[in-house]
C-alpha cells in the first residue's frame, strides 16, 4: 500500500488502529479510495530450496503463487506477491456479476 496515500491516516499501519486487519478494500474505502478493479494471477511451481525451508516444506515442494493488484479510480493501491504450499491451501474466489441496482 503506497505510503504517500496512507501517511497520516488511520490505515497507515494495516494491523493497527480502527481498521486493523480488515483488508485492503475496507481500509482504502475508509480513506476515500474505494477499490474499483482487482486482479489476482494464480500459478504453481516448484519451490526453491530457500522457499521450501522458510515454509517448512520438503525440498522441491509445489507452491502456489499469487500476484495481486488492487486499483482505485486513480491508481494502484496495493500489490502483493504471495507464495504458499499447494497442499495446505485452497483458493476460493467469488464476486457479484452485473450492475447493482
Protein backbone atom coordinates (compact mmCIF):
# COMPACT_ATOMS: atom_id res chain seq x y z
CA UNK A 1 0.00 0.00 0.00
CA UNK A 2 1.51 3.35 -1.01
CA UNK A 3 2.78 5.29 1.99
CA UNK A 4 2.17 8.59 0.18
CA UNK A 5 -1.52 7.62 0.15
CA UNK A 6 -1.84 6.20 3.68
CA UNK A 7 0.56 8.51 5.58
CA UNK A 8 -1.30 10.49 8.25
CA UNK A 9 -4.44 8.35 8.01
CA UNK A 10 -6.00 5.78 10.33
CA UNK A 11 -4.87 2.99 7.93
CA UNK A 12 -1.16 3.78 7.70
CA UNK A 13 -0.40 0.61 9.70
CA UNK A 14 -2.66 -2.16 8.32
CA UNK A 15 -2.57 -4.21 11.53
CA UNK A 16 -3.14 -1.28 13.91
CA UNK A 17 -5.84 1.30 14.53
CA UNK A 18 -9.61 1.19 13.97
CA UNK A 19 -9.37 -0.76 10.69
CA UNK A 20 -6.74 -3.28 11.84
CA UNK A 21 -6.79 -6.49 9.85
CA UNK A 22 -9.91 -5.52 7.89
CA UNK A 23 -8.45 -5.99 4.42
CA UNK A 24 -7.25 -3.55 1.82
CA UNK A 25 -10.70 -2.84 0.31
CA UNK A 26 -12.16 -1.66 3.60
CA UNK A 27 -9.05 0.31 4.56
CA UNK A 28 -8.89 2.12 1.21
CA UNK A 29 -12.62 2.90 1.36
CA UNK A 30 -12.07 4.42 4.80
CA UNK A 31 -9.63 6.96 3.33
CA UNK A 32 -11.66 7.75 0.22
CA UNK A 33 -10.05 5.42 -2.32
CA UNK A 34 -12.58 2.64 -3.00
CA UNK A 35 -11.30 -0.35 -4.95
CA UNK A 36 -12.77 -0.33 -8.46
CA UNK A 37 -10.74 -3.12 -10.02
CA UNK A 38 -8.58 -6.03 -8.92
CA UNK A 39 -6.76 -8.93 -10.46
CA UNK A 40 -5.15 -11.99 -8.95
CA UNK A 41 -2.95 -14.18 -11.09
CA UNK A 42 -2.53 -17.68 -9.64
CA UNK A 43 0.11 -20.17 -10.68
CA UNK A 44 2.02 -23.17 -9.36
CA UNK A 45 5.70 -24.05 -9.47
CA UNK A 46 8.36 -25.98 -7.64
CA UNK A 47 9.72 -24.04 -4.69
CA UNK A 48 13.34 -23.06 -4.40
CA UNK A 49 15.40 -24.59 -1.61
CA UNK A 50 15.17 -21.34 0.37
CA UNK A 51 11.39 -21.00 -0.09
CA UNK A 52 10.76 -24.60 0.94
CA UNK A 53 12.94 -24.21 4.03
CA UNK A 54 11.18 -20.98 5.07
CA UNK A 55 7.77 -22.62 4.56
CA UNK A 56 8.84 -25.81 6.41
CA UNK A 57 8.22 -27.89 3.29
CA UNK A 58 10.32 -30.68 1.77
CA UNK A 59 12.72 -29.55 -0.97
CA UNK A 60 11.05 -29.35 -4.37
CA UNK A 61 7.51 -28.95 -2.98
CA UNK A 62 4.85 -27.46 -5.21
CA UNK A 63 3.96 -23.89 -4.24
CA UNK A 64 1.06 -21.72 -5.28
CA UNK A 65 1.99 -18.23 -6.43
CA UNK A 66 -0.48 -15.37 -6.25
CA UNK A 67 0.16 -11.93 -7.73
CA UNK A 68 -2.46 -9.45 -6.50
CA UNK A 69 -3.15 -5.91 -7.72
CA UNK A 70 -5.90 -3.63 -6.35
CA UNK A 71 -6.73 -0.34 -8.05
CA UNK A 72 -8.79 2.68 -7.05
CA UNK A 73 -10.24 5.09 -9.60
CA UNK A 74 -6.92 6.88 -9.91
CA UNK A 75 -4.09 4.49 -9.02
CA UNK A 76 -2.81 1.13 -7.84
CA UNK A 77 -3.36 0.98 -4.08
CA UNK A 78 -1.94 -2.45 -3.29
CA UNK A 79 0.33 -5.04 -4.83
CA UNK A 80 1.23 -8.36 -3.24
CA UNK A 81 3.18 -11.44 -4.25
CA UNK A 82 2.23 -14.46 -2.16
CA UNK A 83 3.77 -17.92 -2.12
CA UNK A 84 2.09 -20.75 -0.17
CA UNK A 85 2.38 -24.55 -0.05
CA UNK A 86 -0.04 -26.02 -2.60
CA UNK A 87 -1.02 -28.95 -0.38
CA UNK A 88 -2.05 -26.72 2.55
CA UNK A 89 -4.16 -24.07 0.83
CA UNK A 90 -7.37 -23.98 -1.17
CA UNK A 91 -8.06 -20.80 -3.14
CA UNK A 92 -11.70 -19.77 -3.45
CA UNK A 93 -12.84 -16.74 -5.45
CA UNK A 94 -16.30 -15.24 -5.74
CA UNK A 95 -17.90 -11.97 -6.68
CA UNK A 96 -21.10 -10.41 -7.91
CA UNK A 97 -21.84 -10.25 -11.61
CA UNK A 98 -23.51 -7.32 -13.36
CA UNK A 99 -24.60 -3.90 -12.14
CA UNK A 100 -26.05 -3.39 -8.70
CA UNK A 101 -29.31 -1.57 -8.50
